[in-house]
Amino acid sequence: MGNRAFGCGAVLAAAALLLGPWRPLAAEEEAFGRWRYRPNSCVVEHGAAPRLRCQELQLDQRSSDVLRLSVQADAKEPGASIRLTLVGALAEGSEPMGCRNGSCSLKRPLSFTLVSLSLARFDGRGLVQSLPRTWSVRGGCQIDPSDLRCEALNSDLAALGEPPWIIQAQLR
């Protein structure tokens, strides 16, 4: 029995030498995840309506091509808020965010072309006041490590003079 144990140990040692030193595989970046940020300076503008102060930005990367930006902002009524959600596709030449374990980081500039915008309103208790409204839009978002700027124009109402939605934030 002693020779047999030695034989198994020798085979395992030889296999370890052939395979080389063991090291954990480097964690690969994933195509999906979320980036969240509370900017010091952030505004939402829509034509002549009062500028709204943003509270939080959240960028969800659903795949290497699809992005969703959610912007939480104070509404003009005390305690109320709105959530603007913009969905788009990664612009040509732009690379997706680097994500690991569902968390993403903005290490390089990011651009995406917008296809839709939705708007939901919430009361002071955080309860939704109506079903979200959604529109087809044209426009885009540019995000770099220090600034975010998005412009979305309602595709159906642009010819009637509907102003664009503009979101601007300083990220540093």
N, C-alpha and C. Protein backbone atom coordinates (compact mmCIF):
# COMPACT_ATOMS: atom_id res chain seq x y z
N MET A 1 0.83 -1.19 0.00
CA MET A 1 0.00 0.00 0.00
C MET A 1 0.87 1.24 0.00
N GLY A 2 2.01 1.20 0.64
CA GLY A 2 2.90 2.34 0.69
C GLY A 2 3.39 2.73 -0.69
N ASN A 3 3.73 1.77 -1.54
CA ASN A 3 4.19 2.09 -2.90
C ASN A 3 3.08 2.71 -3.73
N ARG A 4 1.87 2.23 -3.51
CA ARG A 4 0.73 2.75 -4.26
C ARG A 4 0.49 4.22 -3.92
N ALA A 5 0.56 4.61 -2.63
CA ALA A 5 0.37 6.00 -2.21
C ALA A 5 1.49 6.86 -2.79
N PHE A 6 2.72 6.30 -2.80
CA PHE A 6 3.84 7.04 -3.37
C PHE A 6 3.61 7.25 -4.87
N GLY A 7 3.08 6.25 -5.55
CA GLY A 7 2.82 6.33 -6.98
C GLY A 7 1.79 7.41 -7.31
N CYS A 8 0.72 7.51 -6.53
CA CYS A 8 -0.31 8.54 -6.74
C CYS A 8 0.27 9.93 -6.48
N GLY A 9 1.06 10.05 -5.43
CA GLY A 9 1.67 11.33 -5.10
C GLY A 9 2.62 11.77 -6.19
N ALA A 10 3.37 10.83 -6.75
CA ALA A 10 4.32 11.15 -7.82
C ALA A 10 3.59 11.62 -9.07
N VAL A 11 2.47 10.97 -9.38
CA VAL A 11 1.68 11.37 -10.55
C VAL A 11 1.13 12.78 -10.35
N LEU A 12 0.62 13.09 -9.17
CA LEU A 12 0.10 14.43 -8.89
C LEU A 12 1.20 15.47 -8.95
N ALA A 13 2.38 15.16 -8.43
CA ALA A 13 3.50 16.10 -8.47
C ALA A 13 3.93 16.35 -9.91
N ALA A 14 3.97 15.30 -10.72
CA ALA A 14 4.36 15.45 -12.13
C ALA A 14 3.33 16.31 -12.87
N ALA A 15 2.05 16.07 -12.58
CA ALA A 15 1.00 16.86 -13.23
C ALA A 15 1.13 18.33 -12.83
N ALA A 16 1.42 18.59 -11.58
CA ALA A 16 1.57 19.98 -11.12
C ALA A 16 2.74 20.65 -11.82
N LEU A 17 3.83 19.91 -12.02
CA LEU A 17 4.99 20.48 -12.71
C LEU A 17 4.67 20.78 -14.18
N LEU A 18 3.92 19.88 -14.80
CA LEU A 18 3.56 20.07 -16.21
C LEU A 18 2.60 21.25 -16.40
N LEU A 19 1.70 21.42 -15.46
CA LEU A 19 0.71 22.50 -15.56
C LEU A 19 1.26 23.85 -15.14
N GLY A 20 2.37 23.86 -14.47
CA GLY A 20 2.96 25.13 -14.04
C GLY A 20 2.40 25.55 -12.70
N PRO A 21 2.90 26.69 -12.20
CA PRO A 21 2.42 27.15 -10.88
C PRO A 21 0.95 27.54 -10.93
N TRP A 22 0.26 27.25 -9.84
CA TRP A 22 -1.16 27.59 -9.76
C TRP A 22 -1.31 29.06 -9.42
N ARG A 23 -2.20 29.71 -10.12
CA ARG A 23 -2.55 31.09 -9.79
C ARG A 23 -4.01 31.29 -10.16
N PRO A 24 -4.73 32.09 -9.40
CA PRO A 24 -6.14 32.31 -9.71
C PRO A 24 -6.28 33.05 -11.03
N LEU A 25 -7.35 32.74 -11.73
CA LEU A 25 -7.62 33.44 -12.98
C LEU A 25 -7.97 34.89 -12.69
N ALA A 26 -7.52 35.79 -13.54
CA ALA A 26 -7.85 37.20 -13.38
C ALA A 26 -9.35 37.38 -13.60
N ALA A 27 -9.94 38.18 -12.77
CA ALA A 27 -11.38 38.43 -12.92
C ALA A 27 -11.62 39.18 -14.22
N GLU A 28 -12.48 38.62 -15.04
CA GLU A 28 -12.77 39.26 -16.32
C GLU A 28 -13.90 40.27 -16.15
N GLU A 29 -13.87 41.31 -16.99
CA GLU A 29 -14.93 42.29 -16.94
C GLU A 29 -16.21 41.69 -17.50
N GLU A 30 -17.32 42.11 -16.93
CA GLU A 30 -18.62 41.63 -17.37
C GLU A 30 -19.26 42.68 -18.27
N ALA A 31 -20.24 42.27 -19.04
CA ALA A 31 -20.91 43.18 -19.96
C ALA A 31 -22.08 43.90 -19.29
N PHE A 32 -22.38 43.58 -18.04
CA PHE A 32 -23.53 44.19 -17.38
C PHE A 32 -23.19 44.63 -15.98
N GLY A 33 -23.96 45.61 -15.51
CA GLY A 33 -23.76 46.10 -14.15
C GLY A 33 -24.33 47.49 -14.00
N ARG A 34 -24.00 48.13 -12.88
CA ARG A 34 -24.58 49.43 -12.53
C ARG A 34 -23.52 50.36 -11.96
N TRP A 35 -23.65 51.64 -12.36
CA TRP A 35 -22.82 52.71 -11.81
C TRP A 35 -23.78 53.72 -11.20
N ARG A 36 -23.53 54.13 -9.95
CA ARG A 36 -24.36 55.11 -9.25
C ARG A 36 -23.50 56.25 -8.78
N TYR A 37 -24.12 57.47 -8.79
CA TYR A 37 -23.36 58.63 -8.36
C TYR A 37 -24.31 59.71 -7.85
N ARG A 38 -23.89 60.39 -6.79
CA ARG A 38 -24.63 61.56 -6.27
C ARG A 38 -23.79 62.79 -6.58
N PRO A 39 -24.12 63.49 -7.67
CA PRO A 39 -23.29 64.64 -8.09
C PRO A 39 -23.49 65.85 -7.19
N ASN A 40 -22.43 66.67 -7.11
CA ASN A 40 -22.52 67.93 -6.38
C ASN A 40 -23.37 68.93 -7.14
N SER A 41 -23.24 68.91 -8.45
CA SER A 41 -23.96 69.85 -9.30
C SER A 41 -24.62 69.07 -10.42
N CYS A 42 -25.96 69.17 -10.51
CA CYS A 42 -26.70 68.44 -11.53
C CYS A 42 -28.04 69.13 -11.74
N VAL A 43 -28.39 69.37 -13.00
CA VAL A 43 -29.68 70.01 -13.30
C VAL A 43 -30.36 69.29 -14.47
N VAL A 44 -31.69 69.35 -14.43
CA VAL A 44 -32.53 68.88 -15.53
C VAL A 44 -33.28 70.10 -16.04
N GLU A 45 -33.22 70.32 -17.35
CA GLU A 45 -33.91 71.45 -17.97
C GLU A 45 -34.85 70.94 -19.06
N HIS A 46 -36.00 71.63 -19.19
CA HIS A 46 -36.95 71.33 -20.26
C HIS A 46 -37.64 72.62 -20.66
N GLY A 47 -37.07 73.29 -21.65
CA GLY A 47 -37.65 74.54 -22.14
C GLY A 47 -37.74 75.60 -21.06
N ALA A 48 -38.92 76.25 -20.97
CA ALA A 48 -39.13 77.34 -20.03
C ALA A 48 -39.48 76.86 -18.62
N ALA A 49 -39.62 75.56 -18.43
CA ALA A 49 -39.94 75.03 -17.09
C ALA A 49 -38.77 75.32 -16.14
N PRO A 50 -39.06 75.44 -14.85
CA PRO A 50 -37.97 75.69 -13.89
C PRO A 50 -36.93 74.57 -13.93
N ARG A 51 -35.67 74.94 -13.76
CA ARG A 51 -34.59 73.95 -13.69
C ARG A 51 -34.78 73.11 -12.44
N LEU A 52 -34.58 71.82 -12.57
CA LEU A 52 -34.73 70.90 -11.44
C LEU A 52 -33.35 70.39 -11.02
N ARG A 53 -33.15 70.32 -9.72
CA ARG A 53 -31.87 69.84 -9.19
C ARG A 53 -31.89 68.31 -9.10
N CYS A 54 -30.86 67.67 -9.66
CA CYS A 54 -30.73 66.21 -9.61
C CYS A 54 -30.19 65.76 -8.26
N GLN A 55 -30.67 64.63 -7.81
CA GLN A 55 -30.18 64.04 -6.56
C GLN A 55 -29.26 62.86 -6.80
N GLU A 56 -29.57 62.07 -7.84
CA GLU A 56 -28.81 60.84 -8.07
C GLU A 56 -28.83 60.47 -9.54
N LEU A 57 -27.71 59.92 -10.00
CA LEU A 57 -27.59 59.38 -11.35
C LEU A 57 -27.32 57.89 -11.22
N GLN A 58 -27.96 57.12 -12.09
CA GLN A 58 -27.72 55.68 -12.10
C GLN A 58 -27.64 55.23 -13.55
N LEU A 59 -26.55 54.59 -13.90
CA LEU A 59 -26.34 54.10 -15.26
C LEU A 59 -26.28 52.59 -15.23
N ASP A 60 -27.26 51.95 -15.88
CA ASP A 60 -27.31 50.49 -15.95
C ASP A 60 -26.85 50.05 -17.33
N GLN A 61 -25.92 49.12 -17.34
CA GLN A 61 -25.44 48.54 -18.59
C GLN A 61 -26.06 47.15 -18.68
N ARG A 62 -27.04 46.99 -19.57
CA ARG A 62 -27.79 45.74 -19.70
C ARG A 62 -27.03 44.70 -20.52
N SER A 63 -26.19 45.19 -21.41
CA SER A 63 -25.33 44.35 -22.24
C SER A 63 -24.19 45.25 -22.68
N SER A 64 -23.33 44.78 -23.54
CA SER A 64 -22.22 45.63 -23.98
C SER A 64 -22.70 46.76 -24.89
N ASP A 65 -23.98 46.72 -25.33
CA ASP A 65 -24.49 47.75 -26.25
C ASP A 65 -25.62 48.61 -25.69
N VAL A 66 -26.35 48.15 -24.69
CA VAL A 66 -27.56 48.84 -24.22
C VAL A 66 -27.31 49.49 -22.85
N LEU A 67 -27.65 50.78 -22.76
CA LEU A 67 -27.47 51.54 -21.52
C LEU A 67 -28.77 52.21 -21.12
N ARG A 68 -28.97 52.35 -19.81
CA ARG A 68 -30.15 53.04 -19.29
C ARG A 68 -29.68 54.00 -18.20
N LEU A 69 -29.93 55.29 -18.41
CA LEU A 69 -29.58 56.32 -17.42
C LEU A 69 -30.85 56.76 -16.71
N SER A 70 -30.86 56.63 -15.39
CA SER A 70 -31.98 57.11 -14.56
C SER A 70 -31.49 58.31 -13.77
N VAL A 71 -32.29 59.36 -13.78
CA VAL A 71 -31.95 60.60 -13.09
C VAL A 71 -33.07 60.92 -12.11
N GLN A 72 -32.73 60.97 -10.83
CA GLN A 72 -33.69 61.33 -9.79
C GLN A 72 -33.53 62.82 -9.51
N ALA A 73 -34.64 63.58 -9.62
CA ALA A 73 -34.56 65.03 -9.42
C ALA A 73 -35.71 65.50 -8.56
N ASP A 74 -35.48 66.63 -7.86
CA ASP A 74 -36.55 67.27 -7.09
C ASP A 74 -37.58 67.84 -8.06
N ALA A 75 -38.86 67.67 -7.76
CA ALA A 75 -39.92 68.30 -8.55
C ALA A 75 -40.16 69.69 -7.96
N LYS A 76 -40.96 70.49 -8.65
CA LYS A 76 -41.20 71.84 -8.14
C LYS A 76 -42.08 71.84 -6.89
N GLU A 77 -42.90 70.79 -6.68
CA GLU A 77 -43.72 70.69 -5.48
C GLU A 77 -42.85 70.20 -4.32
N PRO A 78 -43.00 70.78 -3.12
CA PRO A 78 -42.16 70.38 -1.98
C PRO A 78 -42.27 68.88 -1.68
N GLY A 79 -41.11 68.23 -1.56
CA GLY A 79 -41.05 66.81 -1.23
C GLY A 79 -41.25 65.87 -2.41
N ALA A 80 -41.78 66.35 -3.51
CA ALA A 80 -42.04 65.49 -4.66
C ALA A 80 -40.77 65.32 -5.49
N SER A 81 -40.75 64.29 -6.32
CA SER A 81 -39.59 64.06 -7.17
C SER A 81 -40.03 63.50 -8.52
N ILE A 82 -39.11 63.54 -9.45
CA ILE A 82 -39.35 62.91 -10.75
C ILE A 82 -38.18 61.97 -11.03
N ARG A 83 -38.45 61.00 -11.88
CA ARG A 83 -37.37 60.13 -12.37
C ARG A 83 -37.45 60.12 -13.89
N LEU A 84 -36.39 60.62 -14.50
CA LEU A 84 -36.23 60.55 -15.95
C LEU A 84 -35.39 59.32 -16.25
N THR A 85 -35.83 58.53 -17.20
CA THR A 85 -35.06 57.36 -17.60
C THR A 85 -34.83 57.44 -19.09
N LEU A 86 -33.55 57.43 -19.48
CA LEU A 86 -33.16 57.51 -20.88
C LEU A 86 -32.51 56.18 -21.27
N VAL A 87 -32.95 55.62 -22.40
CA VAL A 87 -32.40 54.35 -22.87
C VAL A 87 -31.76 54.57 -24.22
N GLY A 88 -30.60 53.95 -24.40
CA GLY A 88 -29.91 54.12 -25.67
C GLY A 88 -28.93 53.01 -25.96
N ALA A 89 -28.29 53.16 -27.11
CA ALA A 89 -27.30 52.20 -27.58
C ALA A 89 -25.93 52.86 -27.59
N LEU A 90 -24.94 52.11 -27.23
CA LEU A 90 -23.56 52.59 -27.22
C LEU A 90 -23.20 53.13 -28.61
N ALA A 91 -22.64 54.32 -28.64
CA ALA A 91 -22.27 54.95 -29.91
C ALA A 91 -21.07 54.23 -30.52
N GLU A 92 -20.99 54.26 -31.83
CA GLU A 92 -19.88 53.63 -32.53
C GLU A 92 -18.56 54.25 -32.06
N GLY A 93 -17.61 53.42 -31.78
CA GLY A 93 -16.31 53.89 -31.32
C GLY A 93 -16.20 54.05 -29.81
N SER A 94 -17.33 53.94 -29.11
CA SER A 94 -17.33 54.05 -27.65
C SER A 94 -17.28 52.64 -27.05
N GLU A 95 -16.56 52.50 -25.95
CA GLU A 95 -16.45 51.19 -25.30
C GLU A 95 -17.37 51.14 -24.08
N PRO A 96 -17.90 49.95 -23.77
CA PRO A 96 -18.78 49.84 -22.59
C PRO A 96 -17.99 50.08 -21.30
N MET A 97 -18.74 50.30 -20.22
CA MET A 97 -18.12 50.47 -18.91
C MET A 97 -17.46 49.16 -18.49
N GLY A 98 -16.48 49.27 -17.63
CA GLY A 98 -15.88 48.09 -17.04
C GLY A 98 -16.69 47.69 -15.82
N CYS A 99 -17.19 46.46 -15.79
CA CYS A 99 -18.04 46.01 -14.69
C CYS A 99 -17.49 44.71 -14.09
N ARG A 100 -17.62 44.59 -12.78
CA ARG A 100 -17.27 43.37 -12.05
C ARG A 100 -18.27 43.18 -10.94
N ASN A 101 -18.78 41.97 -10.83
CA ASN A 101 -19.74 41.63 -9.77
C ASN A 101 -20.91 42.59 -9.73
N GLY A 102 -21.37 43.05 -10.90
CA GLY A 102 -22.54 43.92 -10.98
C GLY A 102 -22.27 45.39 -10.72
N SER A 103 -21.03 45.75 -10.41
CA SER A 103 -20.67 47.14 -10.15
C SER A 103 -19.77 47.64 -11.28
N CYS A 104 -20.09 48.82 -11.82
CA CYS A 104 -19.34 49.36 -12.96
C CYS A 104 -18.59 50.62 -12.56
N SER A 105 -17.60 50.96 -13.36
CA SER A 105 -16.85 52.20 -13.14
C SER A 105 -16.68 52.91 -14.47
N LEU A 106 -16.62 54.24 -14.38
CA LEU A 106 -16.40 55.08 -15.56
C LEU A 106 -14.91 55.42 -15.62
N LYS A 107 -14.17 54.67 -16.39
CA LYS A 107 -12.73 54.91 -16.49
C LYS A 107 -12.37 55.66 -17.76
N ARG A 108 -13.29 55.69 -18.70
CA ARG A 108 -13.03 56.34 -19.99
C ARG A 108 -14.32 56.99 -20.47
N PRO A 109 -14.23 57.95 -21.39
CA PRO A 109 -15.43 58.60 -21.91
C PRO A 109 -16.40 57.58 -22.53
N LEU A 110 -17.68 57.90 -22.41
CA LEU A 110 -18.73 57.00 -22.88
C LEU A 110 -19.77 57.83 -23.62
N SER A 111 -20.19 57.38 -24.78
CA SER A 111 -21.24 58.07 -25.55
C SER A 111 -22.29 57.04 -25.94
N PHE A 112 -23.56 57.46 -25.85
CA PHE A 112 -24.60 56.58 -26.36
C PHE A 112 -25.71 57.39 -27.00
N THR A 113 -26.33 56.78 -28.01
CA THR A 113 -27.40 57.39 -28.79
C THR A 113 -28.73 57.00 -28.15
N LEU A 114 -29.57 58.00 -27.88
CA LEU A 114 -30.83 57.75 -27.18
C LEU A 114 -31.94 57.30 -28.12
N VAL A 115 -32.81 56.43 -27.60
CA VAL A 115 -33.98 55.98 -28.35
C VAL A 115 -35.28 56.24 -27.60
N SER A 116 -35.23 56.32 -26.27
CA SER A 116 -36.47 56.57 -25.52
C SER A 116 -36.19 57.33 -24.23
N LEU A 117 -37.24 58.00 -23.76
CA LEU A 117 -37.21 58.73 -22.50
C LEU A 117 -38.52 58.44 -21.79
N SER A 118 -38.45 58.17 -20.50
CA SER A 118 -39.68 58.03 -19.73
C SER A 118 -39.60 58.95 -18.52
N LEU A 119 -40.77 59.36 -18.06
CA LEU A 119 -40.89 60.29 -16.95
C LEU A 119 -41.90 59.74 -15.96
N ALA A 120 -41.49 59.62 -14.70
CA ALA A 120 -42.39 59.20 -13.62
C ALA A 120 -42.33 60.26 -12.53
N ARG A 121 -43.48 60.53 -11.91
CA ARG A 121 -43.56 61.51 -10.82
C ARG A 121 -43.92 60.80 -9.52
N PHE A 122 -43.28 61.25 -8.43
CA PHE A 122 -43.51 60.64 -7.12
C PHE A 122 -43.88 61.72 -6.11
N ASP A 123 -44.77 61.38 -5.17
CA ASP A 123 -45.16 62.36 -4.15
C ASP A 123 -44.11 62.37 -3.03
N GLY A 124 -44.36 63.15 -2.00
CA GLY A 124 -43.42 63.30 -0.89
C GLY A 124 -43.16 62.01 -0.13
N ARG A 125 -44.06 61.03 -0.24
CA ARG A 125 -43.85 59.74 0.43
C ARG A 125 -43.14 58.73 -0.47
N GLY A 126 -42.84 59.14 -1.71
CA GLY A 126 -42.17 58.24 -2.65
C GLY A 126 -43.10 57.37 -3.45
N LEU A 127 -44.42 57.64 -3.33
CA LEU A 127 -45.40 56.86 -4.07
C LEU A 127 -45.59 57.46 -5.47
N VAL A 128 -45.65 56.58 -6.46
CA VAL A 128 -45.80 57.05 -7.84
C VAL A 128 -47.17 57.72 -7.99
N GLN A 129 -47.20 58.86 -8.69
CA GLN A 129 -48.45 59.61 -8.86
C GLN A 129 -49.22 59.20 -10.10
N SER A 130 -48.55 58.63 -11.07
CA SER A 130 -49.21 58.15 -12.28
C SER A 130 -48.28 57.16 -12.98
N LEU A 131 -48.80 56.47 -13.96
CA LEU A 131 -47.95 55.57 -14.73
C LEU A 131 -46.89 56.39 -15.46
N PRO A 132 -45.69 55.85 -15.60
CA PRO A 132 -44.66 56.59 -16.33
C PRO A 132 -45.08 56.85 -17.78
N ARG A 133 -44.73 58.01 -18.28
CA ARG A 133 -44.98 58.35 -19.69
C ARG A 133 -43.68 58.11 -20.44
N THR A 134 -43.78 57.55 -21.65
CA THR A 134 -42.60 57.21 -22.44
C THR A 134 -42.73 57.77 -23.84
N TRP A 135 -41.61 58.28 -24.36
CA TRP A 135 -41.57 58.84 -25.71
C TRP A 135 -40.36 58.31 -26.47
N SER A 136 -40.50 58.24 -27.79
CA SER A 136 -39.34 58.01 -28.66
C SER A 136 -38.59 59.32 -28.74
N VAL A 137 -37.28 59.26 -28.66
CA VAL A 137 -36.48 60.48 -28.70
C VAL A 137 -35.30 60.31 -29.66
N ARG A 138 -34.73 61.46 -30.02
CA ARG A 138 -33.42 61.48 -30.68
C ARG A 138 -32.53 62.30 -29.79
N GLY A 139 -31.28 61.97 -29.83
CA GLY A 139 -30.32 62.69 -29.01
C GLY A 139 -29.24 61.76 -28.53
N GLY A 140 -28.53 62.21 -27.51
CA GLY A 140 -27.44 61.39 -27.01
C GLY A 140 -26.94 61.85 -25.67
N CYS A 141 -26.07 61.03 -25.11
CA CYS A 141 -25.41 61.32 -23.84
C CYS A 141 -23.91 61.16 -24.03
N GLN A 142 -23.17 62.08 -23.43
CA GLN A 142 -21.72 62.00 -23.38
C GLN A 142 -21.34 62.06 -21.91
N ILE A 143 -20.56 61.08 -21.51
CA ILE A 143 -20.14 61.00 -20.11
C ILE A 143 -18.63 60.79 -20.10
N ASP A 144 -17.94 61.62 -19.33
CA ASP A 144 -16.53 61.38 -19.09
C ASP A 144 -16.34 61.42 -17.57
N PRO A 145 -15.17 61.12 -17.09
CA PRO A 145 -15.00 61.06 -15.63
C PRO A 145 -15.36 62.34 -14.86
N SER A 146 -15.46 63.49 -15.54
CA SER A 146 -15.78 64.72 -14.81
C SER A 146 -17.12 65.35 -15.17
N ASP A 147 -17.71 65.02 -16.31
CA ASP A 147 -18.97 65.65 -16.74
C ASP A 147 -19.92 64.66 -17.40
N LEU A 148 -21.21 64.96 -17.27
CA LEU A 148 -22.26 64.22 -17.96
C LEU A 148 -23.14 65.24 -18.65
N ARG A 149 -23.49 64.99 -19.91
CA ARG A 149 -24.42 65.84 -20.63
C ARG A 149 -25.27 64.97 -21.54
N CYS A 150 -26.59 65.12 -21.41
CA CYS A 150 -27.54 64.40 -22.25
C CYS A 150 -28.54 65.39 -22.83
N GLU A 151 -28.93 65.14 -24.05
CA GLU A 151 -29.98 65.94 -24.69
C GLU A 151 -30.90 64.98 -25.41
N ALA A 152 -32.20 65.06 -25.10
CA ALA A 152 -33.20 64.17 -25.68
C ALA A 152 -34.35 65.00 -26.22
N LEU A 153 -34.65 64.82 -27.50
CA LEU A 153 -35.71 65.57 -28.16
C LEU A 153 -36.81 64.59 -28.56
N ASN A 154 -38.05 64.87 -28.13
CA ASN A 154 -39.19 64.04 -28.47
C ASN A 154 -39.33 63.99 -29.99
N SER A 155 -39.21 62.82 -30.57
CA SER A 155 -39.23 62.66 -32.02
C SER A 155 -40.54 63.13 -32.64
N ASP A 156 -41.66 62.87 -31.99
CA ASP A 156 -42.97 63.22 -32.56
C ASP A 156 -43.31 64.70 -32.43
N LEU A 157 -42.82 65.35 -31.38
CA LEU A 157 -43.20 66.74 -31.11
C LEU A 157 -42.14 67.77 -31.48
N ALA A 158 -41.01 67.33 -31.97
CA ALA A 158 -39.92 68.27 -32.31
C ALA A 158 -40.36 69.29 -33.35
N ALA A 159 -41.11 68.86 -34.36
CA ALA A 159 -41.56 69.76 -35.42
C ALA A 159 -42.55 70.81 -34.90
N LEU A 160 -43.19 70.51 -33.77
CA LEU A 160 -44.16 71.45 -33.17
C LEU A 160 -43.49 72.41 -32.18
N GLY A 161 -42.17 72.34 -32.08
CA GLY A 161 -41.46 73.27 -31.20
C GLY A 161 -41.20 72.75 -29.80
N GLU A 162 -41.44 71.47 -29.54
CA GLU A 162 -41.17 70.90 -28.22
C GLU A 162 -39.68 71.04 -27.90
N PRO A 163 -39.33 71.62 -26.76
CA PRO A 163 -37.91 71.78 -26.42
C PRO A 163 -37.30 70.44 -25.98
N PRO A 164 -35.98 70.32 -26.07
CA PRO A 164 -35.33 69.08 -25.62
C PRO A 164 -35.24 69.02 -24.10
N TRP A 165 -35.10 67.82 -23.58
CA TRP A 165 -34.73 67.61 -22.20
C TRP A 165 -33.22 67.66 -22.16
N ILE A 166 -32.66 68.40 -21.22
CA ILE A 166 -31.20 68.50 -21.08
C ILE A 166 -30.83 68.16 -19.64
N ILE A 167 -29.86 67.27 -19.52
CA ILE A 167 -29.35 66.89 -18.20
C ILE A 167 -27.86 67.19 -18.20
N GLN A 168 -27.41 67.93 -17.18
CA GLN A 168 -26.00 68.27 -17.05
C GLN A 168 -25.57 68.01 -15.61
N ALA A 169 -24.41 67.37 -15.47
CA ALA A 169 -23.90 67.09 -14.12
C ALA A 169 -22.38 67.18 -14.12
N GLN A 170 -21.87 67.70 -13.02
CA GLN A 170 -20.43 67.68 -12.78
C GLN A 170 -20.17 66.48 -11.88
N LEU A 171 -19.28 65.61 -12.34
CA LEU A 171 -19.03 64.37 -11.63
C LEU A 171 -17.83 64.44 -10.70
N ARG A 172 -17.12 65.56 -10.72
CA ARG A 172 -15.98 65.73 -9.81
C ARG A 172 -16.01 67.10 -9.21
